[in-house]
Every structure is written in C-alpha cells, then in structure tokens.
Amino acid sequence: MSQDLLRPAQPVPPASLGSHYGRCGGRTAYARETSPGSWQVKIHDPTDRLAGHDGWLLVGAGWPTLSAARAATGLS
C-alpha cells in the first residue's frame, strides 16, 4: 500500500471574516461577516423586548460588503 494514502489530510484554513464595532442610532453596534460576502448588523439594546438574552438586536443581514451594511443601517 502506498504511504501517500496513509497520511492525514491537511486541514483547510478557515476564511478570515471581517467585523466592525461602531454606533447606530445612539447605540453600540456590531457588524460581522457571517460568511464571505454576507454581512449582518446588530445593535446592543438590552431594554428592547425583542433583543436576545444577551441584549443584542439584529438590525439586518445579507449585505455583500461592510460599506453596503453601513449605508443601509447608518452604522458609523
């Protein structure tokens, strides 16, 4: 049997995804690339009843670039 078949496969390094902290509507905001070419924006508002248990509220998702997400949400 060939020794090449017995070597473990090399893991593929994960893609480096982007993120950005800023402000949106007077609140702390966080934009992150959830997969290459797809951005989402969340704001931190623990007083909003729609916010998750951690106080973050999803404003929107699916923008192809950080610039598009910032323009659509007013993220600074």
PDB file of N, CA and C in Angstrom:
ATOM      1  N   MET A   1       0.851  -1.173   0.000  1.00  0.00           N
ATOM      2  CA  MET A   1       0.000   0.000   0.000  1.00  0.00           C
ATOM      3  C   MET A   1       0.901   1.241   0.000  1.00  0.00           C
ATOM      4  N   SER A   2       0.493   2.245  -0.673  1.00  0.00           N
ATOM      5  CA  SER A   2       1.279   3.461  -0.783  1.00  0.00           C
ATOM      6  C   SER A   2       1.230   4.263   0.517  1.00  0.00           C
ATOM      7  N   GLN A   3       2.370   4.838   0.891  1.00  0.00           N
ATOM      8  CA  GLN A   3       2.441   5.657   2.098  1.00  0.00           C
ATOM      9  C   GLN A   3       1.632   6.943   1.952  1.00  0.00           C
ATOM     10  N   ASP A   4       1.427   7.418   0.720  1.00  0.00           N
ATOM     11  CA  ASP A   4       0.649   8.640   0.493  1.00  0.00           C
ATOM     12  C   ASP A   4      -0.797   8.480   0.947  1.00  0.00           C
ATOM     13  N   LEU A   5      -1.322   7.301   0.865  1.00  0.00           N
ATOM     14  CA  LEU A   5      -2.713   7.078   1.249  1.00  0.00           C
ATOM     15  C   LEU A   5      -2.898   7.080   2.764  1.00  0.00           C
ATOM     16  N   LEU A   6      -1.821   6.896   3.497  1.00  0.00           N
ATOM     17  CA  LEU A   6      -1.917   6.808   4.949  1.00  0.00           C
ATOM     18  C   LEU A   6      -1.711   8.142   5.653  1.00  0.00           C
ATOM     19  N   ARG A   7      -1.291   9.168   4.935  1.00  0.00           N
ATOM     20  CA  ARG A   7      -1.079  10.476   5.558  1.00  0.00           C
ATOM     21  C   ARG A   7      -2.407  11.174   5.811  1.00  0.00           C
ATOM     22  N   PRO A   8      -2.535  11.843   6.955  1.00  0.00           N
ATOM     23  CA  PRO A   8      -3.786  12.572   7.224  1.00  0.00           C
ATOM     24  C   PRO A   8      -3.927  13.763   6.263  1.00  0.00           C
ATOM     25  N   ALA A   9      -5.139  14.057   5.927  1.00  0.00           N
ATOM     26  CA  ALA A   9      -5.407  15.200   5.050  1.00  0.00           C
ATOM     27  C   ALA A   9      -5.054  16.497   5.774  1.00  0.00           C
ATOM     28  N   GLN A  10      -4.528  17.450   5.051  1.00  0.00           N
ATOM     29  CA  GLN A  10      -4.208  18.753   5.621  1.00  0.00           C
ATOM     30  C   GLN A  10      -5.490  19.556   5.786  1.00  0.00           C
ATOM     31  N   PRO A  11      -5.737  20.115   6.978  1.00  0.00           N
ATOM     32  CA  PRO A  11      -6.960  20.912   7.163  1.00  0.00           C
ATOM     33  C   PRO A  11      -6.888  22.190   6.330  1.00  0.00           C
ATOM     34  N   VAL A  12      -8.030  22.586   5.825  1.00  0.00           N
ATOM     35  CA  VAL A  12      -8.133  23.827   5.064  1.00  0.00           C
ATOM     36  C   VAL A  12      -8.334  24.958   6.060  1.00  0.00           C
ATOM     37  N   PRO A  13      -7.473  25.991   6.031  1.00  0.00           N
ATOM     38  CA  PRO A  13      -7.647  27.094   6.987  1.00  0.00           C
ATOM     39  C   PRO A  13      -8.963  27.830   6.723  1.00  0.00           C
ATOM     40  N   PRO A  14      -9.656  28.235   7.788  1.00  0.00           N
ATOM     41  CA  PRO A  14     -10.916  28.944   7.604  1.00  0.00           C
ATOM     42  C   PRO A  14     -10.679  30.320   6.978  1.00  0.00           C
ATOM     43  N   ALA A  15     -11.677  30.785   6.253  1.00  0.00           N
ATOM     44  CA  ALA A  15     -11.588  32.119   5.652  1.00  0.00           C
ATOM     45  C   ALA A  15     -11.585  33.162   6.769  1.00  0.00           C
ATOM     46  N   SER A  16     -10.826  34.200   6.581  1.00  0.00           N
ATOM     47  CA  SER A  16     -10.788  35.281   7.553  1.00  0.00           C
ATOM     48  C   SER A  16     -11.987  36.190   7.314  1.00  0.00           C
ATOM     49  N   LEU A  17     -12.888  36.230   8.265  1.00  0.00           N
ATOM     50  CA  LEU A  17     -14.098  37.033   8.128  1.00  0.00           C
ATOM     51  C   LEU A  17     -13.925  38.357   8.866  1.00  0.00           C
ATOM     52  N   GLY A  18     -14.567  39.394   8.357  1.00  0.00           N
ATOM     53  CA  GLY A  18     -14.413  40.726   8.927  1.00  0.00           C
ATOM     54  C   GLY A  18     -15.427  41.046  10.012  1.00  0.00           C
ATOM     55  N   SER A  19     -15.115  42.093  10.776  1.00  0.00           N
ATOM     56  CA  SER A  19     -16.038  42.601  11.789  1.00  0.00           C
ATOM     57  C   SER A  19     -15.731  44.069  12.033  1.00  0.00           C
ATOM     58  N   HIS A  20     -16.715  44.778  12.592  1.00  0.00           N
ATOM     59  CA  HIS A  20     -16.558  46.212  12.814  1.00  0.00           C
ATOM     60  C   HIS A  20     -17.482  46.635  13.958  1.00  0.00           C
ATOM     61  N   TYR A  21     -16.922  47.304  14.966  1.00  0.00           N
ATOM     62  CA  TYR A  21     -17.728  47.904  16.031  1.00  0.00           C
ATOM     63  C   TYR A  21     -17.937  49.370  15.707  1.00  0.00           C
ATOM     64  N   GLY A  22     -19.108  49.895  16.039  1.00  0.00           N
ATOM     65  CA  GLY A  22     -19.397  51.306  15.809  1.00  0.00           C
ATOM     66  C   GLY A  22     -20.638  51.718  16.582  1.00  0.00           C
ATOM     67  N   ARG A  23     -21.314  52.747  16.069  1.00  0.00           N
ATOM     68  CA  ARG A  23     -22.539  53.257  16.684  1.00  0.00           C
ATOM     69  C   ARG A  23     -23.640  53.261  15.631  1.00  0.00           C
ATOM     70  N   CYS A  24     -24.857  53.064  16.082  1.00  0.00           N
ATOM     71  CA  CYS A  24     -26.020  53.076  15.200  1.00  0.00           C
ATOM     72  C   CYS A  24     -27.214  53.536  16.030  1.00  0.00           C
ATOM     73  N   GLY A  25     -27.784  54.678  15.661  1.00  0.00           N
ATOM     74  CA  GLY A  25     -28.934  55.181  16.410  1.00  0.00           C
ATOM     75  C   GLY A  25     -28.624  55.457  17.864  1.00  0.00           C
ATOM     76  N   GLY A  26     -27.400  55.882  18.162  1.00  0.00           N
ATOM     77  CA  GLY A  26     -27.020  56.178  19.534  1.00  0.00           C
ATOM     78  C   GLY A  26     -26.677  54.961  20.371  1.00  0.00           C
ATOM     79  N   ARG A  27     -26.653  53.795  19.774  1.00  0.00           N
ATOM     80  CA  ARG A  27     -26.355  52.550  20.489  1.00  0.00           C
ATOM     81  C   ARG A  27     -25.063  51.939  19.963  1.00  0.00           C
ATOM     82  N   THR A  28     -24.455  51.110  20.782  1.00  0.00           N
ATOM     83  CA  THR A  28     -23.299  50.339  20.327  1.00  0.00           C
ATOM     84  C   THR A  28     -23.780  49.373  19.251  1.00  0.00           C
ATOM     85  N   ALA A  29     -23.008  49.254  18.192  1.00  0.00           N
ATOM     86  CA  ALA A  29     -23.387  48.374  17.084  1.00  0.00           C
ATOM     87  C   ALA A  29     -22.210  47.488  16.702  1.00  0.00           C
ATOM     88  N   TYR A  30     -22.542  46.358  16.120  1.00  0.00           N
ATOM     89  CA  TYR A  30     -21.540  45.390  15.704  1.00  0.00           C
ATOM     90  C   TYR A  30     -21.927  44.838  14.342  1.00  0.00           C
ATOM     91  N   ALA A  31     -21.039  44.978  13.383  1.00  0.00           N
ATOM     92  CA  ALA A  31     -21.242  44.379  12.062  1.00  0.00           C
ATOM     93  C   ALA A  31     -20.258  43.229  11.932  1.00  0.00           C
ATOM     94  N   ARG A  32     -20.729  42.122  11.393  1.00  0.00           N
ATOM     95  CA  ARG A  32     -19.823  40.999  11.189  1.00  0.00           C
ATOM     96  C   ARG A  32     -20.160  40.293   9.892  1.00  0.00           C
ATOM     97  N   GLU A  33     -19.128  39.736   9.306  1.00  0.00           N
ATOM     98  CA  GLU A  33     -19.274  38.954   8.090  1.00  0.00           C
ATOM     99  C   GLU A  33     -19.558  37.521   8.529  1.00  0.00           C
ATOM    100  N   THR A  34     -20.764  37.051   8.272  1.00  0.00           N
ATOM    101  CA  THR A  34     -21.152  35.723   8.737  1.00  0.00           C
ATOM    102  C   THR A  34     -20.639  34.622   7.824  1.00  0.00           C
ATOM    103  N   SER A  35     -20.458  34.947   6.570  1.00  0.00           N
ATOM    104  CA  SER A  35     -19.812  34.083   5.586  1.00  0.00           C
ATOM    105  C   SER A  35     -19.228  35.025   4.541  1.00  0.00           C
ATOM    106  N   PRO A  36     -18.288  34.575   3.739  1.00  0.00           N
ATOM    107  CA  PRO A  36     -17.701  35.502   2.765  1.00  0.00           C
ATOM    108  C   PRO A  36     -18.765  36.166   1.893  1.00  0.00           C
ATOM    109  N   GLY A  37     -18.809  37.503   1.957  1.00  0.00           N
ATOM    110  CA  GLY A  37     -19.765  38.264   1.149  1.00  0.00           C
ATOM    111  C   GLY A  37     -21.155  38.389   1.738  1.00  0.00           C
ATOM    112  N   SER A  38     -21.310  38.173   3.042  1.00  0.00           N
ATOM    113  CA  SER A  38     -22.617  38.326   3.695  1.00  0.00           C
ATOM    114  C   SER A  38     -22.418  38.957   5.080  1.00  0.00           C
ATOM    115  N   TRP A  39     -22.887  40.184   5.231  1.00  0.00           N
ATOM    116  CA  TRP A  39     -22.707  40.946   6.467  1.00  0.00           C
ATOM    117  C   TRP A  39     -24.025  41.096   7.209  1.00  0.00           C
ATOM    118  N   GLN A  40     -23.950  41.119   8.540  1.00  0.00           N
ATOM    119  CA  GLN A  40     -25.109  41.409   9.389  1.00  0.00           C
ATOM    120  C   GLN A  40     -24.729  42.501  10.378  1.00  0.00           C
ATOM    121  N   VAL A  41     -25.755  43.239  10.829  1.00  0.00           N
ATOM    122  CA  VAL A  41     -25.543  44.316  11.794  1.00  0.00           C
ATOM    123  C   VAL A  41     -26.476  44.083  12.979  1.00  0.00           C
ATOM    124  N   LYS A  42     -25.905  44.199  14.190  1.00  0.00           N
ATOM    125  CA  LYS A  42     -26.670  44.094  15.431  1.00  0.00           C
ATOM    126  C   LYS A  42     -26.413  45.343  16.262  1.00  0.00           C
ATOM    127  N   ILE A  43     -27.426  45.747  17.033  1.00  0.00           N
ATOM    128  CA  ILE A  43     -27.235  46.832  17.986  1.00  0.00           C
ATOM    129  C   ILE A  43     -27.448  46.274  19.390  1.00  0.00           C
ATOM    130  N   HIS A  44     -26.792  46.904  20.367  1.00  0.00           N
ATOM    131  CA  HIS A  44     -26.932  46.470  21.754  1.00  0.00           C
ATOM    132  C   HIS A  44     -27.958  47.354  22.440  1.00  0.00           C
ATOM    133  N   ASP A  45     -29.101  46.760  22.758  1.00  0.00           N
ATOM    134  CA  ASP A  45     -30.185  47.474  23.430  1.00  0.00           C
ATOM    135  C   ASP A  45     -30.896  46.504  24.367  1.00  0.00           C
ATOM    136  N   PRO A  46     -30.341  46.306  25.565  1.00  0.00           N
ATOM    137  CA  PRO A  46     -30.932  45.337  26.480  1.00  0.00           C
ATOM    138  C   PRO A  46     -32.337  45.694  26.954  1.00  0.00           C
ATOM    139  N   THR A  47     -32.771  46.942  26.742  1.00  0.00           N
ATOM    140  CA  THR A  47     -34.124  47.324  27.162  1.00  0.00           C
ATOM    141  C   THR A  47     -35.179  46.965  26.120  1.00  0.00           C
ATOM    142  N   ASP A  48     -34.770  46.639  24.897  1.00  0.00           N
ATOM    143  CA  ASP A  48     -35.717  46.266  23.841  1.00  0.00           C
ATOM    144  C   ASP A  48     -36.192  44.843  24.077  1.00  0.00           C
ATOM    145  N   ARG A  49     -37.489  44.651  24.138  1.00  0.00           N
ATOM    146  CA  ARG A  49     -38.024  43.323  24.427  1.00  0.00           C
ATOM    147  C   ARG A  49     -37.751  42.316  23.313  1.00  0.00           C
ATOM    148  N   LEU A  50     -37.417  42.796  22.112  1.00  0.00           N
ATOM    149  CA  LEU A  50     -37.099  41.896  21.003  1.00  0.00           C
ATOM    150  C   LEU A  50     -35.631  41.469  20.986  1.00  0.00           C
ATOM    151  N   ALA A  51     -34.819  42.094  21.838  1.00  0.00           N
ATOM    152  CA  ALA A  51     -33.400  41.738  21.905  1.00  0.00           C
ATOM    153  C   ALA A  51     -33.243  40.343  22.493  1.00  0.00           C
ATOM    154  N   GLY A  52     -32.170  39.693  22.119  1.00  0.00           N
ATOM    155  CA  GLY A  52     -31.881  38.367  22.663  1.00  0.00           C
ATOM    156  C   GLY A  52     -31.497  38.429  24.122  1.00  0.00           C
ATOM    157  N   HIS A  53     -31.261  37.292  24.706  1.00  0.00           N
ATOM    158  CA  HIS A  53     -30.914  37.215  26.130  1.00  0.00           C
ATOM    159  C   HIS A  53     -29.650  38.002  26.453  1.00  0.00           C
ATOM    160  N   ASP A  54     -28.809  38.238  25.442  1.00  0.00           N
ATOM    161  CA  ASP A  54     -27.568  38.969  25.656  1.00  0.00           C
ATOM    162  C   ASP A  54     -27.700  40.463  25.358  1.00  0.00           C
ATOM    163  N   GLY A  55     -28.903  40.910  24.976  1.00  0.00           N
ATOM    164  CA  GLY A  55     -29.147  42.327  24.735  1.00  0.00           C
ATOM    165  C   GLY A  55     -28.893  42.797  23.315  1.00  0.00           C
ATOM    166  N   TRP A  56     -28.504  41.911  22.406  1.00  0.00           N
ATOM    167  CA  TRP A  56     -28.225  42.287  21.022  1.00  0.00           C
ATOM    168  C   TRP A  56     -29.450  42.066  20.158  1.00  0.00           C
ATOM    169  N   LEU A  57     -29.724  43.026  19.300  1.00  0.00           N
ATOM    170  CA  LEU A  57     -30.881  43.010  18.417  1.00  0.00           C
ATOM    171  C   LEU A  57     -30.407  43.052  16.972  1.00  0.00           C
ATOM    172  N   LEU A  58     -30.807  42.081  16.167  1.00  0.00           N
ATOM    173  CA  LEU A  58     -30.413  42.029  14.767  1.00  0.00           C
ATOM    174  C   LEU A  58     -31.155  43.114  13.996  1.00  0.00           C
ATOM    175  N   VAL A  59     -30.398  44.005  13.342  1.00  0.00           N
ATOM    176  CA  VAL A  59     -30.979  45.079  12.535  1.00  0.00           C
ATOM    177  C   VAL A  59     -31.219  44.600  11.111  1.00  0.00           C
ATOM    178  N   GLY A  60     -30.290  43.823  10.581  1.00  0.00           N
ATOM    179  CA  GLY A  60     -30.434  43.304   9.229  1.00  0.00           C
ATOM    180  C   GLY A  60     -29.256  42.436   8.856  1.00  0.00           C
ATOM    181  N   ALA A  61     -29.411  41.714   7.737  1.00  0.00           N
ATOM    182  CA  ALA A  61     -28.366  40.802   7.298  1.00  0.00           C
ATOM    183  C   ALA A  61     -28.429  40.641   5.782  1.00  0.00           C
ATOM    184  N   GLY A  62     -27.342  40.121   5.234  1.00  0.00           N
ATOM    185  CA  GLY A  62     -27.308  39.789   3.822  1.00  0.00           C
ATOM    186  C   GLY A  62     -26.636  40.811   2.923  1.00  0.00           C
ATOM    187  N   TRP A  63     -26.047  41.845   3.495  1.00  0.00           N
ATOM    188  CA  TRP A  63     -25.351  42.837   2.668  1.00  0.00           C
ATOM    189  C   TRP A  63     -24.051  42.244   2.145  1.00  0.00           C
ATOM    190  N   PRO A  64     -23.690  42.534   0.895  1.00  0.00           N
ATOM    191  CA  PRO A  64     -22.484  41.929   0.316  1.00  0.00           C
ATOM    192  C   PRO A  64     -21.168  42.529   0.813  1.00  0.00           C
ATOM    193  N   THR A  65     -21.217  43.754   1.333  1.00  0.00           N
ATOM    194  CA  THR A  65     -19.992  44.409   1.816  1.00  0.00           C
ATOM    195  C   THR A  65     -20.287  45.166   3.105  1.00  0.00           C
ATOM    196  N   LEU A  66     -19.229  45.483   3.835  1.00  0.00           N
ATOM    197  CA  LEU A  66     -19.373  46.311   5.027  1.00  0.00           C
ATOM    198  C   LEU A  66     -19.906  47.684   4.641  1.00  0.00           C
ATOM    199  N   SER A  67     -19.441  48.227   3.536  1.00  0.00           N
ATOM    200  CA  SER A  67     -19.915  49.543   3.081  1.00  0.00           C
ATOM    201  C   SER A  67     -21.423  49.541   2.848  1.00  0.00           C
ATOM    202  N   ALA A  68     -21.937  48.491   2.237  1.00  0.00           N
ATOM    203  CA  ALA A  68     -23.380  48.388   1.982  1.00  0.00           C
ATOM    204  C   ALA A  68     -24.149  48.283   3.294  1.00  0.00           C
ATOM    205  N   ALA A  69     -23.631  47.517   4.241  1.00  0.00           N
ATOM    206  CA  ALA A  69     -24.279  47.380   5.554  1.00  0.00           C
ATOM    207  C   ALA A  69     -24.290  48.710   6.291  1.00  0.00           C
ATOM    208  N   ARG A  70     -23.178  49.428   6.223  1.00  0.00           N
ATOM    209  CA  ARG A  70     -23.090  50.736   6.890  1.00  0.00           C
ATOM    210  C   ARG A  70     -24.055  51.728   6.265  1.00  0.00           C
ATOM    211  N   ALA A  71     -24.148  51.740   4.948  1.00  0.00           N
ATOM    212  CA  ALA A  71     -25.042  52.672   4.264  1.00  0.00           C
ATOM    213  C   ALA A  71     -26.508  52.366   4.567  1.00  0.00           C
ATOM    214  N   ALA A  72     -26.860  51.106   4.657  1.00  0.00           N
ATOM    215  CA  ALA A  72     -28.252  50.721   4.884  1.00  0.00           C
ATOM    216  C   ALA A  72     -28.713  50.952   6.318  1.00  0.00           C
ATOM    217  N   THR A  73     -27.784  50.888   7.278  1.00  0.00           N
ATOM    218  CA  THR A  73     -28.167  50.967   8.685  1.00  0.00           C
ATOM    219  C   THR A  73     -27.750  52.257   9.385  1.00  0.00           C
ATOM    220  N   GLY A  74     -26.874  53.036   8.775  1.00  0.00           N
ATOM    221  CA  GLY A  74     -26.362  54.230   9.428  1.00  0.00           C
ATOM    222  C   GLY A  74     -25.246  53.933  10.409  1.00  0.00           C
ATOM    223  N   LEU A  75     -24.679  52.739  10.333  1.00  0.00           N
ATOM    224  CA  LEU A  75     -23.581  52.348  11.203  1.00  0.00           C
ATOM    225  C   LEU A  75     -22.381  53.237  10.961  1.00  0.00           C
ATOM    226  N   SER A  76     -21.804  53.767  12.065  1.00  0.00           N
ATOM    227  CA  SER A  76     -20.617  54.617  11.918  1.00  0.00           C
ATOM    228  C   SER A  76     -19.351  53.822  12.112  1.00  0.00           C
TER     229      SER A  76
END
